[in-house]
């Protein structure tokens, strides 16, 4: 039930973006998705704070890897880069950090 709700919230976010709705509306939909994610943690018997902390650690680790890859590819920074390149770097960083402790 909660997973279906999360999928529905993702669909609503996509619709809001596709319909070029105001940022406040997109933000509201993302907030709904975050609330659903919190509910999913609770109903799965997971501690929300621990889950968020581990997620932040993983994100920070990947961002450090992306900064390293940016230098490796001789990019001055990430501003103005294409979405395709950003996703490519994210996937590379994910692979690099897969088994690395924080």
Protein backbone atom coordinates (compact mmCIF):
# COMPACT_ATOMS: atom_id res chain seq x y z
CA UNK A 1 0.00 0.00 0.00
CA UNK A 2 2.69 2.51 0.97
CA UNK A 3 4.86 1.60 -2.03
CA UNK A 4 1.90 2.26 -4.31
CA UNK A 5 1.44 5.62 -2.60
CA UNK A 6 5.13 6.45 -3.23
CA UNK A 7 4.73 5.55 -6.90
CA UNK A 8 1.62 7.74 -7.08
CA UNK A 9 3.49 10.65 -5.46
CA UNK A 10 6.30 10.27 -8.03
CA UNK A 11 3.70 10.41 -10.80
CA UNK A 12 2.25 13.60 -9.29
CA UNK A 13 5.73 15.18 -9.15
CA UNK A 14 6.31 14.29 -12.81
CA UNK A 15 2.93 15.74 -13.78
CA UNK A 16 3.64 18.98 -11.90
CA UNK A 17 7.01 19.31 -13.65
CA UNK A 18 5.64 18.33 -17.07
CA UNK A 19 2.80 20.86 -16.66
CA UNK A 20 5.35 23.56 -15.73
CA UNK A 21 3.54 24.23 -12.48
CA UNK A 22 5.04 26.79 -10.07
CA UNK A 23 8.00 25.65 -7.96
CA UNK A 24 5.82 25.80 -4.85
CA UNK A 25 3.52 23.15 -6.32
CA UNK A 26 6.44 20.87 -7.24
CA UNK A 27 7.85 21.41 -3.75
CA UNK A 28 4.50 20.42 -2.23
CA UNK A 29 4.47 17.19 -4.23
CA UNK A 30 8.06 16.40 -3.25
CA UNK A 31 7.07 17.02 0.37
CA UNK A 32 4.28 14.48 -0.03
CA UNK A 33 6.83 11.97 -1.34
CA UNK A 34 9.13 12.65 1.62
CA UNK A 35 6.22 12.10 4.01
CA UNK A 36 5.47 8.81 2.27
CA UNK A 37 9.13 7.77 2.58
CA UNK A 38 9.01 8.50 6.31
CA UNK A 39 5.85 6.40 6.61
CA UNK A 40 7.56 3.59 4.71
CA UNK A 41 10.45 3.64 7.21
CA UNK A 42 8.08 3.54 10.17
CA UNK A 43 5.93 0.74 8.77
CA UNK A 44 9.09 -1.21 7.90
CA UNK A 45 10.26 -0.95 11.50
CA UNK A 46 13.20 1.29 10.63
CA UNK A 47 14.37 4.30 12.58
CA UNK A 48 13.73 7.37 10.43
CA UNK A 49 16.66 9.38 11.83
CA UNK A 50 19.14 6.53 11.30
CA UNK A 51 17.85 5.97 7.78
CA UNK A 52 18.21 9.66 6.94
CA UNK A 53 21.68 9.81 8.50
CA UNK A 54 22.87 6.83 6.43
CA UNK A 55 21.35 8.37 3.31
CA UNK A 56 23.17 11.65 3.96
CA UNK A 57 26.47 9.81 4.45
CA UNK A 58 26.01 7.95 1.17
CA UNK A 59 25.10 11.18 -0.65
CA UNK A 60 28.16 13.01 0.74
CA UNK A 61 30.40 10.10 -0.29
CA UNK A 62 29.02 10.20 -3.83
CA UNK A 63 29.39 13.97 -4.04
CA UNK A 64 33.07 13.66 -3.05
CA UNK A 65 33.47 11.09 -5.84
CA UNK A 66 31.71 13.40 -8.30
CA UNK A 67 34.09 16.23 -7.39
CA UNK A 68 37.01 13.86 -8.02
CA UNK A 69 35.51 12.83 -11.37
CA UNK A 70 34.96 16.47 -12.28
CA UNK A 71 38.69 17.09 -11.87
CA UNK A 72 39.52 13.85 -13.71
CA UNK A 73 37.42 15.00 -16.70
CA UNK A 74 38.99 18.50 -16.54
CA UNK A 75 35.67 20.19 -15.82
CA UNK A 76 35.91 23.52 -13.97
CA UNK A 77 32.75 22.72 -11.96
CA UNK A 78 29.31 21.22 -12.37
CA UNK A 79 27.45 24.44 -13.09
CA UNK A 80 26.04 24.58 -16.58
CA UNK A 81 26.75 20.93 -17.31
CA UNK A 82 24.15 18.88 -19.16
CA UNK A 83 21.75 16.61 -17.34
CA UNK A 84 23.19 13.71 -19.33
CA UNK A 85 26.71 14.43 -18.09
CA UNK A 86 25.50 14.89 -14.51
CA UNK A 87 23.72 11.51 -14.63
CA UNK A 88 26.82 9.88 -16.14
CA UNK A 89 28.99 11.28 -13.35
CA UNK A 90 26.42 10.19 -10.75
CA UNK A 91 26.47 6.62 -12.10
CA UNK A 92 30.28 6.59 -12.12
CA UNK A 93 30.35 7.90 -8.56
CA UNK A 94 27.81 5.28 -7.51
CA UNK A 95 30.03 2.52 -8.91
CA UNK A 96 33.17 3.96 -7.29
CA UNK A 97 31.55 4.31 -3.86
CA UNK A 98 29.53 1.09 -3.88
CA UNK A 99 31.74 -0.73 -1.35
CA UNK A 100 33.58 2.19 0.23
CA UNK A 101 32.99 2.94 3.91
CA UNK A 102 32.26 6.61 4.80
